[in-house]
């Protein structure tokens, strides 16, 4: 078991990984260890017609301690971050779903949403644990909206990596602390386009 050394003292934490990698479970473990009041920010919405999606959401709910507050925030993530108290720990799961929820936004509107989100992180005082999917390791999507999603999430995650206090990658049953193992790209390279 990887120990979350120092994670309780870090304000901004990013947990990356592919589908079914355990990234959500790792983020939840970090939140439990924070010693703070935890609010789970679910960016998905329960679709009553999608049984498989309902089952996934149910599994996530079952893992959460009963004292955690849960908010469904499909789009208004920035406003939610701004309202948080400094004593809180917000666990946002997941950025991929948040990006997908706003995928129909024109590029200029998306850029404004992204800037507002990043500013809310920089100006906030609570602990924030972000869960994000790594989507760029697969094939290039065959349809335009899939490429927009992959590019938007990829650019966002890259920029976040440059401002987070700690970045973890969960893959193959292992948790890697990229902040300790890696070397950050120059900040100019990670600015959103």
Protein backbone atom coordinates (compact mmCIF):
# COMPACT_ATOMS: atom_id res chain seq x y z
CA UNK A 1 0.00 0.00 0.00
CA UNK A 2 1.37 3.38 -1.03
CA UNK A 3 1.34 5.86 1.81
CA UNK A 4 -0.04 9.31 1.13
CA UNK A 5 2.97 10.95 2.73
CA UNK A 6 2.40 14.66 3.05
CA UNK A 7 -0.83 14.58 1.03
CA UNK A 8 -2.89 15.74 4.02
CA UNK A 9 -0.85 18.95 4.04
CA UNK A 10 -1.15 19.56 0.30
CA UNK A 11 -3.96 21.88 -0.80
CA UNK A 12 -4.24 20.97 -4.49
CA UNK A 13 -4.01 17.28 -5.46
CA UNK A 14 -4.53 15.74 -8.90
CA UNK A 15 -5.17 12.01 -9.30
CA UNK A 16 -4.85 10.72 -12.88
CA UNK A 17 -5.41 7.33 -14.41
CA UNK A 18 -7.17 5.31 -17.07
CA UNK A 19 -10.62 3.76 -16.71
CA UNK A 20 -11.01 1.28 -13.83
CA UNK A 21 -7.48 2.02 -12.58
CA UNK A 22 -8.45 2.77 -8.98
CA UNK A 23 -7.96 6.53 -9.26
CA UNK A 24 -11.27 7.28 -7.54
CA UNK A 25 -10.48 4.88 -4.69
CA UNK A 26 -7.06 6.51 -4.21
CA UNK A 27 -8.62 9.99 -4.20
CA UNK A 28 -11.19 8.81 -1.64
CA UNK A 29 -8.39 7.41 0.57
CA UNK A 30 -6.61 10.78 0.41
CA UNK A 31 -9.83 12.59 1.35
CA UNK A 32 -10.43 10.24 4.31
CA UNK A 33 -6.88 10.95 5.56
CA UNK A 34 -7.27 14.72 5.20
CA UNK A 35 -8.82 15.19 8.65
CA UNK A 36 -11.23 17.69 7.08
CA UNK A 37 -14.93 17.82 6.39
CA UNK A 38 -15.26 16.13 2.97
CA UNK A 39 -17.63 17.16 0.21
CA UNK A 40 -17.77 14.77 -2.73
CA UNK A 41 -18.43 16.71 -5.94
CA UNK A 42 -20.02 14.33 -8.45
CA UNK A 43 -19.83 15.80 -11.93
CA UNK A 44 -22.13 13.15 -13.38
CA UNK A 45 -25.88 13.07 -13.15
CA UNK A 46 -27.88 9.93 -12.49
CA UNK A 47 -29.66 8.94 -15.71
CA UNK A 48 -32.74 6.87 -14.72
CA UNK A 49 -32.75 5.20 -18.15
CA UNK A 50 -29.14 3.96 -17.99
CA UNK A 51 -28.94 0.96 -15.63
CA UNK A 52 -25.23 0.40 -16.13
CA UNK A 53 -24.48 4.05 -15.25
CA UNK A 54 -26.75 3.76 -12.22
CA UNK A 55 -24.71 0.74 -11.05
CA UNK A 56 -21.42 2.64 -11.41
CA UNK A 57 -22.77 5.56 -9.39
CA UNK A 58 -24.13 3.16 -6.77
CA UNK A 59 -20.66 1.57 -6.38
CA UNK A 60 -19.11 4.99 -5.84
CA UNK A 61 -21.76 5.91 -3.28
CA UNK A 62 -21.26 2.66 -1.35
CA UNK A 63 -17.55 3.42 -0.85
CA UNK A 64 -18.12 6.87 0.63
CA UNK A 65 -18.33 7.37 4.40
CA UNK A 66 -21.83 8.39 5.53
CA UNK A 67 -20.59 11.71 6.96
CA UNK A 68 -19.42 12.98 3.57
CA UNK A 69 -21.67 15.47 1.87
CA UNK A 70 -22.35 14.78 -1.82
CA UNK A 71 -23.17 17.45 -4.39
CA UNK A 72 -24.08 16.80 -8.02
CA UNK A 73 -22.36 19.54 -9.98
CA UNK A 74 -22.42 18.75 -13.70
CA UNK A 75 -21.41 22.24 -14.87
CA UNK A 76 -21.11 24.84 -12.08
CA UNK A 77 -17.82 23.52 -10.72
CA UNK A 78 -16.15 26.92 -10.46
CA UNK A 79 -18.98 28.40 -8.37
CA UNK A 80 -18.87 25.38 -6.05
CA UNK A 81 -15.12 25.73 -5.49
CA UNK A 82 -15.42 29.44 -4.74
CA UNK A 83 -18.03 28.82 -2.01
CA UNK A 84 -15.98 26.21 -0.09
CA UNK A 85 -14.71 26.94 3.41
CA UNK A 86 -10.96 26.76 4.05
CA UNK A 87 -11.54 23.86 6.47
CA UNK A 88 -13.15 21.72 3.74
CA UNK A 89 -11.78 19.00 1.50
CA UNK A 90 -13.50 18.88 -1.88
CA UNK A 91 -13.13 15.67 -3.89
CA UNK A 92 -14.09 16.30 -7.52
CA UNK A 93 -14.82 13.11 -9.47
CA UNK A 94 -14.30 13.53 -12.38
CA UNK A 95 -12.93 16.23 -14.61
CA UNK A 96 -13.53 14.10 -17.69
CA UNK A 97 -17.25 14.05 -17.00
CA UNK A 98 -17.23 17.80 -16.29
CA UNK A 99 -15.49 18.45 -19.64
CA UNK A 100 -17.95 16.11 -21.41
CA UNK A 101 -20.93 17.90 -19.85
CA UNK A 102 -19.82 21.17 -21.47
CA UNK A 103 -18.61 19.69 -24.73
CA UNK A 104 -21.18 21.54 -26.81
CA UNK A 105 -19.76 24.89 -25.67
CA UNK A 106 -18.10 26.90 -28.43
CA UNK A 107 -14.33 27.03 -28.01
CA UNK A 108 -14.33 30.62 -26.71
CA UNK A 109 -16.88 29.73 -24.02
CA UNK A 110 -14.90 26.64 -23.05
CA UNK A 111 -11.73 28.72 -22.70
CA UNK A 112 -13.58 31.12 -20.42
CA UNK A 113 -14.95 28.21 -18.33
CA UNK A 114 -11.46 26.70 -18.07
CA UNK A 115 -9.89 30.03 -17.02
CA UNK A 116 -12.56 30.52 -14.36
CA UNK A 117 -12.01 27.00 -13.04
CA UNK A 118 -8.24 27.44 -12.86
CA UNK A 119 -8.61 30.84 -11.18
CA UNK A 120 -10.96 29.36 -8.57
CA UNK A 121 -8.29 26.78 -7.72
CA UNK A 122 -5.57 29.41 -7.43
CA UNK A 123 -7.68 31.73 -5.26
CA UNK A 124 -9.27 29.09 -3.04
CA UNK A 125 -8.22 28.07 0.44
CA UNK A 126 -9.77 24.62 0.88
CA UNK A 127 -8.11 21.34 -0.02
CA UNK A 128 -9.15 20.13 -3.48
CA UNK A 129 -8.60 16.61 -4.78
CA UNK A 130 -9.30 16.34 -8.50
CA UNK A 131 -9.81 13.03 -10.30
CA UNK A 132 -9.12 13.06 -14.04
CA UNK A 133 -8.98 10.47 -16.77
CA UNK A 134 -5.90 10.05 -18.93
CA UNK A 135 -7.46 9.87 -22.39
CA UNK A 136 -4.54 10.56 -24.71
CA UNK A 137 -2.94 7.10 -24.55
CA UNK A 138 -5.45 5.48 -26.88
CA UNK A 139 -6.19 5.89 -30.53
CA UNK A 140 -7.19 9.23 -32.01
CA UNK A 141 -11.01 9.34 -31.92
CA UNK A 142 -12.60 8.82 -35.32
CA UNK A 143 -15.19 11.54 -34.84
CA UNK A 144 -14.72 15.31 -34.32
CA UNK A 145 -16.50 15.61 -30.95
CA UNK A 146 -14.34 12.80 -29.56
CA UNK A 147 -11.21 14.68 -30.62
CA UNK A 148 -12.51 17.88 -29.04
CA UNK A 149 -13.11 16.02 -25.76
CA UNK A 150 -9.68 14.40 -25.78
CA UNK A 151 -7.93 17.68 -26.60
CA UNK A 152 -9.84 19.76 -24.04
CA UNK A 153 -9.31 17.30 -21.22
CA UNK A 154 -5.68 16.74 -22.20
CA UNK A 155 -4.91 20.47 -22.22
CA UNK A 156 -6.71 20.98 -18.91
CA UNK A 157 -4.89 18.11 -17.19
CA UNK A 158 -1.55 19.29 -18.54
CA UNK A 159 -2.10 22.78 -17.18
CA UNK A 160 -3.32 21.43 -13.83
CA UNK A 161 -0.17 19.35 -13.51
CA UNK A 162 1.82 22.57 -13.46
CA UNK A 163 -0.15 24.16 -10.61
CA UNK A 164 -0.94 21.21 -8.34
CA UNK A 165 0.94 20.64 -5.10
CA UNK A 166 1.04 16.92 -5.82
CA UNK A 167 0.13 14.78 -8.83
CA UNK A 168 -0.51 11.02 -8.66
CA UNK A 169 -0.86 8.53 -11.49
CA UNK A 170 -2.80 5.33 -10.75
CA UNK A 171 -2.18 2.53 -13.24
CA UNK A 172 -1.67 -1.21 -13.24
CA UNK A 173 -2.52 -1.50 -9.57
CA UNK A 174 0.12 1.03 -8.51
CA UNK A 175 0.05 4.62 -7.33
CA UNK A 176 2.92 6.75 -8.59
CA UNK A 177 3.72 10.16 -7.14
CA UNK A 178 4.60 12.02 -10.33
CA UNK A 179 5.58 15.10 -8.33
CA UNK A 180 8.45 13.14 -6.80
CA UNK A 181 9.34 10.93 -9.77
CA UNK A 182 8.87 13.33 -12.66
CA UNK A 183 10.25 16.57 -13.94
CA UNK A 184 7.69 19.28 -14.79
CA UNK A 185 7.60 20.79 -18.25
CA UNK A 186 8.38 24.47 -18.48
CA UNK A 187 5.32 26.46 -17.39
CA UNK A 188 5.09 28.18 -20.80
CA UNK A 189 4.47 24.79 -22.37
CA UNK A 190 1.55 23.97 -20.10
CA UNK A 191 -0.50 27.14 -20.62
CA UNK A 192 -4.00 26.45 -21.97
CA UNK A 193 -4.38 27.13 -25.67
